Amino acid sequence: MDTSDHSMHALFAQLGLSNSDVAIDNFIQNNHLPDEIPIQNAAFWSSGQAQFIREAIVEDADWAEVVDHLDAQLRA
């Protein structure tokens, strides 16, 4: 059984991004995502980050829920 932490902080760490509360808030504030662009196609991701997000969504992986939460915050 997978007991990994799948929080927003863990997602940012997994993506190789700073995962402090301030860093996450700044990322969300500075990276608005228009409705017509899927999160995995956002220009601010590296190819590896985009692939991780794409796989999380397509495979409905454990990360999918937190990726969906990030997606919603980037569009708010």
PDB file of N, CA and C in Angstrom:
ATOM      1  N   MET A   1       0.842  -1.170   0.000  1.00  0.00           N
ATOM      2  CA  MET A   1       0.000   0.000   0.000  1.00  0.00           C
ATOM      3  C   MET A   1       0.894   1.244   0.000  1.00  0.00           C
ATOM      4  N   ASP A   2       0.532   2.220  -0.827  1.00  0.00           N
ATOM      5  CA  ASP A   2       1.268   3.477  -0.917  1.00  0.00           C
ATOM      6  C   ASP A   2       0.814   4.398   0.205  1.00  0.00           C
ATOM      7  N   THR A   3       1.755   4.752   1.074  1.00  0.00           N
ATOM      8  CA  THR A   3       1.434   5.653   2.178  1.00  0.00           C
ATOM      9  C   THR A   3       2.133   6.995   2.009  1.00  0.00           C
ATOM     10  N   SER A   4       2.545   7.305   0.771  1.00  0.00           N
ATOM     11  CA  SER A   4       3.231   8.560   0.491  1.00  0.00           C
ATOM     12  C   SER A   4       2.317   9.749   0.750  1.00  0.00           C
ATOM     13  N   ASP A   5       2.952  10.853   1.095  1.00  0.00           N
ATOM     14  CA  ASP A   5       2.243  12.105   1.305  1.00  0.00           C
ATOM     15  C   ASP A   5       1.931  12.710  -0.061  1.00  0.00           C
ATOM     16  N   HIS A   6       0.682  12.919  -0.366  1.00  0.00           N
ATOM     17  CA  HIS A   6       0.276  13.508  -1.637  1.00  0.00           C
ATOM     18  C   HIS A   6      -0.383  14.867  -1.391  1.00  0.00           C
ATOM     19  N   SER A   7       0.334  15.700  -0.676  1.00  0.00           N
ATOM     20  CA  SER A   7      -0.136  17.052  -0.376  1.00  0.00           C
ATOM     21  C   SER A   7       0.404  18.024  -1.424  1.00  0.00           C
ATOM     22  N   MET A   8      -0.052  19.259  -1.357  1.00  0.00           N
ATOM     23  CA  MET A   8       0.457  20.301  -2.250  1.00  0.00           C
ATOM     24  C   MET A   8       1.955  20.488  -2.024  1.00  0.00           C
ATOM     25  N   HIS A   9       2.376  20.465  -0.761  1.00  0.00           N
ATOM     26  CA  HIS A   9       3.806  20.610  -0.455  1.00  0.00           C
ATOM     27  C   HIS A   9       4.613  19.474  -1.085  1.00  0.00           C
ATOM     28  N   ALA A  10       4.099  18.261  -0.986  1.00  0.00           N
ATOM     29  CA  ALA A  10       4.786  17.107  -1.560  1.00  0.00           C
ATOM     30  C   ALA A  10       4.798  17.176  -3.085  1.00  0.00           C
ATOM     31  N   LEU A  11       3.721  17.654  -3.687  1.00  0.00           N
ATOM     32  CA  LEU A  11       3.672  17.794  -5.140  1.00  0.00           C
ATOM     33  C   LEU A  11       4.739  18.773  -5.614  1.00  0.00           C
ATOM     34  N   PHE A  12       4.849  19.906  -4.957  1.00  0.00           N
ATOM     35  CA  PHE A  12       5.859  20.888  -5.349  1.00  0.00           C
ATOM     36  C   PHE A  12       7.264  20.307  -5.198  1.00  0.00           C
ATOM     37  N   ALA A  13       7.505  19.565  -4.135  1.00  0.00           N
ATOM     38  CA  ALA A  13       8.804  18.917  -3.961  1.00  0.00           C
ATOM     39  C   ALA A  13       9.042  17.905  -5.082  1.00  0.00           C
ATOM     40  N   GLN A  14       8.022  17.126  -5.407  1.00  0.00           N
ATOM     41  CA  GLN A  14       8.127  16.127  -6.474  1.00  0.00           C
ATOM     42  C   GLN A  14       8.443  16.784  -7.819  1.00  0.00           C
ATOM     43  N   LEU A  15       7.921  17.978  -8.026  1.00  0.00           N
ATOM     44  CA  LEU A  15       8.161  18.715  -9.269  1.00  0.00           C
ATOM     45  C   LEU A  15       9.494  19.470  -9.246  1.00  0.00           C
ATOM     46  N   GLY A  16      10.200  19.382  -8.125  1.00  0.00           N
ATOM     47  CA  GLY A  16      11.483  20.057  -8.014  1.00  0.00           C
ATOM     48  C   GLY A  16      11.368  21.548  -7.751  1.00  0.00           C
ATOM     49  N   LEU A  17      10.227  21.950  -7.210  1.00  0.00           N
ATOM     50  CA  LEU A  17       9.972  23.358  -6.903  1.00  0.00           C
ATOM     51  C   LEU A  17      10.051  23.584  -5.403  1.00  0.00           C
ATOM     52  N   SER A  18      10.338  24.814  -5.020  1.00  0.00           N
ATOM     53  CA  SER A  18      10.326  25.153  -3.610  1.00  0.00           C
ATOM     54  C   SER A  18       8.925  24.897  -3.069  1.00  0.00           C
ATOM     55  N   ASN A  19       8.852  24.271  -1.909  1.00  0.00           N
ATOM     56  CA  ASN A  19       7.533  23.855  -1.406  1.00  0.00           C
ATOM     57  C   ASN A  19       7.146  24.488  -0.076  1.00  0.00           C
ATOM     58  N   SER A  20       7.711  25.645   0.228  1.00  0.00           N
ATOM     59  CA  SER A  20       7.252  26.358   1.419  1.00  0.00           C
ATOM     60  C   SER A  20       5.888  26.974   1.127  1.00  0.00           C
ATOM     61  N   ASP A  21       5.160  27.331   2.163  1.00  0.00           N
ATOM     62  CA  ASP A  21       3.854  27.968   1.970  1.00  0.00           C
ATOM     63  C   ASP A  21       3.976  29.225   1.118  1.00  0.00           C
ATOM     64  N   VAL A  22       4.988  30.036   1.401  1.00  0.00           N
ATOM     65  CA  VAL A  22       5.196  31.289   0.657  1.00  0.00           C
ATOM     66  C   VAL A  22       5.520  30.991  -0.806  1.00  0.00           C
ATOM     67  N   ALA A  23       6.385  30.017  -1.055  1.00  0.00           N
ATOM     68  CA  ALA A  23       6.761  29.678  -2.429  1.00  0.00           C
ATOM     69  C   ALA A  23       5.563  29.162  -3.224  1.00  0.00           C
ATOM     70  N   ILE A  24       4.744  28.334  -2.604  1.00  0.00           N
ATOM     71  CA  ILE A  24       3.550  27.804  -3.281  1.00  0.00           C
ATOM     72  C   ILE A  24       2.581  28.940  -3.587  1.00  0.00           C
ATOM     73  N   ASP A  25       2.341  29.799  -2.608  1.00  0.00           N
ATOM     74  CA  ASP A  25       1.446  30.945  -2.828  1.00  0.00           C
ATOM     75  C   ASP A  25       1.967  31.843  -3.944  1.00  0.00           C
ATOM     76  N   ASN A  26       3.278  32.105  -3.949  1.00  0.00           N
ATOM     77  CA  ASN A  26       3.867  32.938  -5.004  1.00  0.00           C
ATOM     78  C   ASN A  26       3.738  32.286  -6.373  1.00  0.00           C
ATOM     79  N   PHE A  27       3.961  30.982  -6.436  1.00  0.00           N
ATOM     80  CA  PHE A  27       3.835  30.266  -7.704  1.00  0.00           C
ATOM     81  C   PHE A  27       2.416  30.402  -8.252  1.00  0.00           C
ATOM     82  N   ILE A  28       1.453  30.195  -7.399  1.00  0.00           N
ATOM     83  CA  ILE A  28       0.046  30.273  -7.816  1.00  0.00           C
ATOM     84  C   ILE A  28      -0.304  31.697  -8.251  1.00  0.00           C
ATOM     85  N   GLN A  29       0.149  32.687  -7.505  1.00  0.00           N
ATOM     86  CA  GLN A  29      -0.140  34.088  -7.850  1.00  0.00           C
ATOM     87  C   GLN A  29       0.528  34.514  -9.158  1.00  0.00           C
ATOM     88  N   ASN A  30       1.699  33.959  -9.460  1.00  0.00           N
ATOM     89  CA  ASN A  30       2.474  34.389 -10.621  1.00  0.00           C
ATOM     90  C   ASN A  30       2.269  33.528 -11.860  1.00  0.00           C
ATOM     91  N   ASN A  31       1.432  32.511 -11.780  1.00  0.00           N
ATOM     92  CA  ASN A  31       1.251  31.593 -12.908  1.00  0.00           C
ATOM     93  C   ASN A  31      -0.219  31.314 -13.161  1.00  0.00           C
ATOM     94  N   HIS A  32      -0.957  32.349 -13.518  1.00  0.00           N
ATOM     95  CA  HIS A  32      -2.376  32.154 -13.847  1.00  0.00           C
ATOM     96  C   HIS A  32      -2.484  31.319 -15.111  1.00  0.00           C
ATOM     97  N   LEU A  33      -3.458  30.440 -15.151  1.00  0.00           N
ATOM     98  CA  LEU A  33      -3.655  29.532 -16.274  1.00  0.00           C
ATOM     99  C   LEU A  33      -5.017  29.771 -16.912  1.00  0.00           C
ATOM    100  N   PRO A  34      -5.040  30.191 -18.185  1.00  0.00           N
ATOM    101  CA  PRO A  34      -6.323  30.395 -18.867  1.00  0.00           C
ATOM    102  C   PRO A  34      -7.104  29.078 -18.992  1.00  0.00           C
ATOM    103  N   ASP A  35      -8.416  29.197 -19.044  1.00  0.00           N
ATOM    104  CA  ASP A  35      -9.283  28.019 -19.090  1.00  0.00           C
ATOM    105  C   ASP A  35      -9.000  27.092 -20.266  1.00  0.00           C
ATOM    106  N   GLU A  36      -8.569  27.639 -21.392  1.00  0.00           N
ATOM    107  CA  GLU A  36      -8.392  26.817 -22.592  1.00  0.00           C
ATOM    108  C   GLU A  36      -7.078  26.028 -22.617  1.00  0.00           C
ATOM    109  N   ILE A  37      -6.204  26.237 -21.653  1.00  0.00           N
ATOM    110  CA  ILE A  37      -4.922  25.532 -21.628  1.00  0.00           C
ATOM    111  C   ILE A  37      -4.949  24.476 -20.529  1.00  0.00           C
ATOM    112  N   PRO A  38      -4.807  23.197 -20.897  1.00  0.00           N
ATOM    113  CA  PRO A  38      -4.738  22.144 -19.877  1.00  0.00           C
ATOM    114  C   PRO A  38      -3.500  22.342 -18.990  1.00  0.00           C
ATOM    115  N   ILE A  39      -3.604  21.990 -17.743  1.00  0.00           N
ATOM    116  CA  ILE A  39      -2.508  22.227 -16.808  1.00  0.00           C
ATOM    117  C   ILE A  39      -1.198  21.612 -17.291  1.00  0.00           C
ATOM    118  N   GLN A  40      -1.250  20.436 -17.893  1.00  0.00           N
ATOM    119  CA  GLN A  40      -0.020  19.782 -18.339  1.00  0.00           C
ATOM    120  C   GLN A  40       0.630  20.489 -19.528  1.00  0.00           C
ATOM    121  N   ASN A  41      -0.095  21.386 -20.193  1.00  0.00           N
ATOM    122  CA  ASN A  41       0.443  22.126 -21.337  1.00  0.00           C
ATOM    123  C   ASN A  41       0.881  23.542 -20.982  1.00  0.00           C
ATOM    124  N   ALA A  42       0.835  23.886 -19.709  1.00  0.00           N
ATOM    125  CA  ALA A  42       1.221  25.231 -19.291  1.00  0.00           C
ATOM    126  C   ALA A  42       2.688  25.486 -19.630  1.00  0.00           C
ATOM    127  N   ALA A  43       2.967  26.696 -20.096  1.00  0.00           N
ATOM    128  CA  ALA A  43       4.311  27.062 -20.544  1.00  0.00           C
ATOM    129  C   ALA A  43       5.328  27.105 -19.405  1.00  0.00           C
ATOM    130  N   PHE A  44       4.868  27.208 -18.159  1.00  0.00           N
ATOM    131  CA  PHE A  44       5.807  27.334 -17.052  1.00  0.00           C
ATOM    132  C   PHE A  44       6.394  26.017 -16.572  1.00  0.00           C
ATOM    133  N   TRP A  45       5.945  24.875 -17.112  1.00  0.00           N
ATOM    134  CA  TRP A  45       6.502  23.580 -16.713  1.00  0.00           C
ATOM    135  C   TRP A  45       7.698  23.215 -17.584  1.00  0.00           C
ATOM    136  N   SER A  46       8.650  22.517 -16.988  1.00  0.00           N
ATOM    137  CA  SER A  46       9.698  21.874 -17.786  1.00  0.00           C
ATOM    138  C   SER A  46       9.054  20.650 -18.443  1.00  0.00           C
ATOM    139  N   SER A  47       9.752  20.041 -19.367  1.00  0.00           N
ATOM    140  CA  SER A  47       9.181  18.859 -20.027  1.00  0.00           C
ATOM    141  C   SER A  47       8.961  17.725 -19.026  1.00  0.00           C
ATOM    142  N   GLY A  48       9.873  17.562 -18.071  1.00  0.00           N
ATOM    143  CA  GLY A  48       9.719  16.519 -17.058  1.00  0.00           C
ATOM    144  C   GLY A  48       8.552  16.777 -16.129  1.00  0.00           C
ATOM    145  N   GLN A  49       8.370  18.032 -15.737  1.00  0.00           N
ATOM    146  CA  GLN A  49       7.243  18.397 -14.873  1.00  0.00           C
ATOM    147  C   GLN A  49       5.924  18.160 -15.608  1.00  0.00           C
ATOM    148  N   ALA A  50       5.870  18.570 -16.860  1.00  0.00           N
ATOM    149  CA  ALA A  50       4.651  18.385 -17.662  1.00  0.00           C
ATOM    150  C   ALA A  50       4.329  16.902 -17.814  1.00  0.00           C
ATOM    151  N   GLN A  51       5.351  16.085 -18.024  1.00  0.00           N
ATOM    152  CA  GLN A  51       5.143  14.643 -18.169  1.00  0.00           C
ATOM    153  C   GLN A  51       4.605  14.041 -16.875  1.00  0.00           C
ATOM    154  N   PHE A  52       5.150  14.452 -15.748  1.00  0.00           N
ATOM    155  CA  PHE A  52       4.673  13.954 -14.452  1.00  0.00           C
ATOM    156  C   PHE A  52       3.197  14.297 -14.258  1.00  0.00           C
ATOM    157  N   ILE A  53       2.836  15.537 -14.544  1.00  0.00           N
ATOM    158  CA  ILE A  53       1.443  15.973 -14.382  1.00  0.00           C
ATOM    159  C   ILE A  53       0.534  15.232 -15.354  1.00  0.00           C
ATOM    160  N   ARG A  54       0.982  15.087 -16.593  1.00  0.00           N
ATOM    161  CA  ARG A  54       0.196  14.359 -17.603  1.00  0.00           C
ATOM    162  C   ARG A  54      -0.071  12.930 -17.138  1.00  0.00           C
ATOM    163  N   GLU A  55       0.960  12.253 -16.663  1.00  0.00           N
ATOM    164  CA  GLU A  55       0.800  10.869 -16.204  1.00  0.00           C
ATOM    165  C   GLU A  55      -0.122  10.780 -14.987  1.00  0.00           C
ATOM    166  N   ALA A  56      -0.015  11.738 -14.089  1.00  0.00           N
ATOM    167  CA  ALA A  56      -0.887  11.735 -12.906  1.00  0.00           C
ATOM    168  C   ALA A  56      -2.348  11.813 -13.323  1.00  0.00           C
ATOM    169  N   ILE A  57      -2.629  12.635 -14.326  1.00  0.00           N
ATOM    170  CA  ILE A  57      -4.010  12.816 -14.786  1.00  0.00           C
ATOM    171  C   ILE A  57      -4.485  11.598 -15.575  1.00  0.00           C
ATOM    172  N   VAL A  58      -3.707  11.176 -16.564  1.00  0.00           N
ATOM    173  CA  VAL A  58      -4.111  10.085 -17.455  1.00  0.00           C
ATOM    174  C   VAL A  58      -4.276   8.773 -16.693  1.00  0.00           C
ATOM    175  N   GLU A  59      -3.358   8.519 -15.772  1.00  0.00           N
ATOM    176  CA  GLU A  59      -3.397   7.265 -15.020  1.00  0.00           C
ATOM    177  C   GLU A  59      -4.279   7.354 -13.781  1.00  0.00           C
ATOM    178  N   ASP A  60      -4.884   8.522 -13.551  1.00  0.00           N
ATOM    179  CA  ASP A  60      -5.671   8.763 -12.344  1.00  0.00           C
ATOM    180  C   ASP A  60      -4.891   8.290 -11.116  1.00  0.00           C
ATOM    181  N   ALA A  61      -3.628   8.668 -11.108  1.00  0.00           N
ATOM    182  CA  ALA A  61      -2.698   8.262 -10.056  1.00  0.00           C
ATOM    183  C   ALA A  61      -3.035   8.943  -8.733  1.00  0.00           C
ATOM    184  N   ASP A  62      -2.309   8.532  -7.707  1.00  0.00           N
ATOM    185  CA  ASP A  62      -2.510   9.113  -6.376  1.00  0.00           C
ATOM    186  C   ASP A  62      -2.307  10.627  -6.393  1.00  0.00           C
ATOM    187  N   TRP A  63      -1.496  11.120  -7.316  1.00  0.00           N
ATOM    188  CA  TRP A  63      -1.231  12.551  -7.415  1.00  0.00           C
ATOM    189  C   TRP A  63      -2.359  13.315  -8.095  1.00  0.00           C
ATOM    190  N   ALA A  64      -3.280  12.642  -8.754  1.00  0.00           N
ATOM    191  CA  ALA A  64      -4.310  13.309  -9.563  1.00  0.00           C
ATOM    192  C   ALA A  64      -5.136  14.301  -8.752  1.00  0.00           C
ATOM    193  N   GLU A  65      -5.494  13.962  -7.553  1.00  0.00           N
ATOM    194  CA  GLU A  65      -6.341  14.849  -6.746  1.00  0.00           C
ATOM    195  C   GLU A  65      -5.627  16.163  -6.421  1.00  0.00           C
ATOM    196  N   VAL A  66      -4.377  16.084  -6.023  1.00  0.00           N
ATOM    197  CA  VAL A  66      -3.652  17.315  -5.688  1.00  0.00           C
ATOM    198  C   VAL A  66      -3.319  18.107  -6.951  1.00  0.00           C
ATOM    199  N   VAL A  67      -3.086  17.429  -8.071  1.00  0.00           N
ATOM    200  CA  VAL A  67      -2.885  18.126  -9.348  1.00  0.00           C
ATOM    201  C   VAL A  67      -4.169  18.864  -9.727  1.00  0.00           C
ATOM    202  N   ASP A  68      -5.313  18.243  -9.537  1.00  0.00           N
ATOM    203  CA  ASP A  68      -6.600  18.902  -9.797  1.00  0.00           C
ATOM    204  C   ASP A  68      -6.778  20.130  -8.905  1.00  0.00           C
ATOM    205  N   HIS A  69      -6.368  20.011  -7.666  1.00  0.00           N
ATOM    206  CA  HIS A  69      -6.472  21.134  -6.723  1.00  0.00           C
ATOM    207  C   HIS A  69      -5.573  22.286  -7.185  1.00  0.00           C
ATOM    208  N   LEU A  70      -4.350  21.973  -7.598  1.00  0.00           N
ATOM    209  CA  LEU A  70      -3.446  22.999  -8.118  1.00  0.00           C
ATOM    210  C   LEU A  70      -4.034  23.634  -9.373  1.00  0.00           C
ATOM    211  N   ASP A  71      -4.575  22.814 -10.246  1.00  0.00           N
ATOM    212  CA  ASP A  71      -5.198  23.304 -11.481  1.00  0.00           C
ATOM    213  C   ASP A  71      -6.282  24.339 -11.149  1.00  0.00           C
ATOM    214  N   ALA A  72      -7.129  24.021 -10.202  1.00  0.00           N
ATOM    215  CA  ALA A  72      -8.207  24.950  -9.811  1.00  0.00           C
ATOM    216  C   ALA A  72      -7.639  26.244  -9.247  1.00  0.00           C
ATOM    217  N   GLN A  73      -6.601  26.160  -8.452  1.00  0.00           N
ATOM    218  CA  GLN A  73      -6.018  27.358  -7.872  1.00  0.00           C
ATOM    219  C   GLN A  73      -5.349  28.227  -8.926  1.00  0.00           C
ATOM    220  N   LEU A  74      -4.760  27.616  -9.951  1.00  0.00           N
ATOM    221  CA  LEU A  74      -4.109  28.374 -11.008  1.00  0.00           C
ATOM    222  C   LEU A  74      -5.126  29.087 -11.896  1.00  0.00           C
ATOM    223  N   ARG A  75      -6.370  28.697 -11.830  1.00  0.00           N
ATOM    224  CA  ARG A  75      -7.416  29.307 -12.662  1.00  0.00           C
ATOM    225  C   ARG A  75      -8.286  30.287 -11.882  1.00  0.00           C
ATOM    226  N   ALA A  76      -8.109  30.365 -10.584  1.00  0.00           N
ATOM    227  CA  ALA A  76      -8.948  31.247  -9.739  1.00  0.00           C
ATOM    228  C   ALA A  76      -8.634  32.710  -9.958  1.00  0.00           C
TER     229      ALA A  76
END
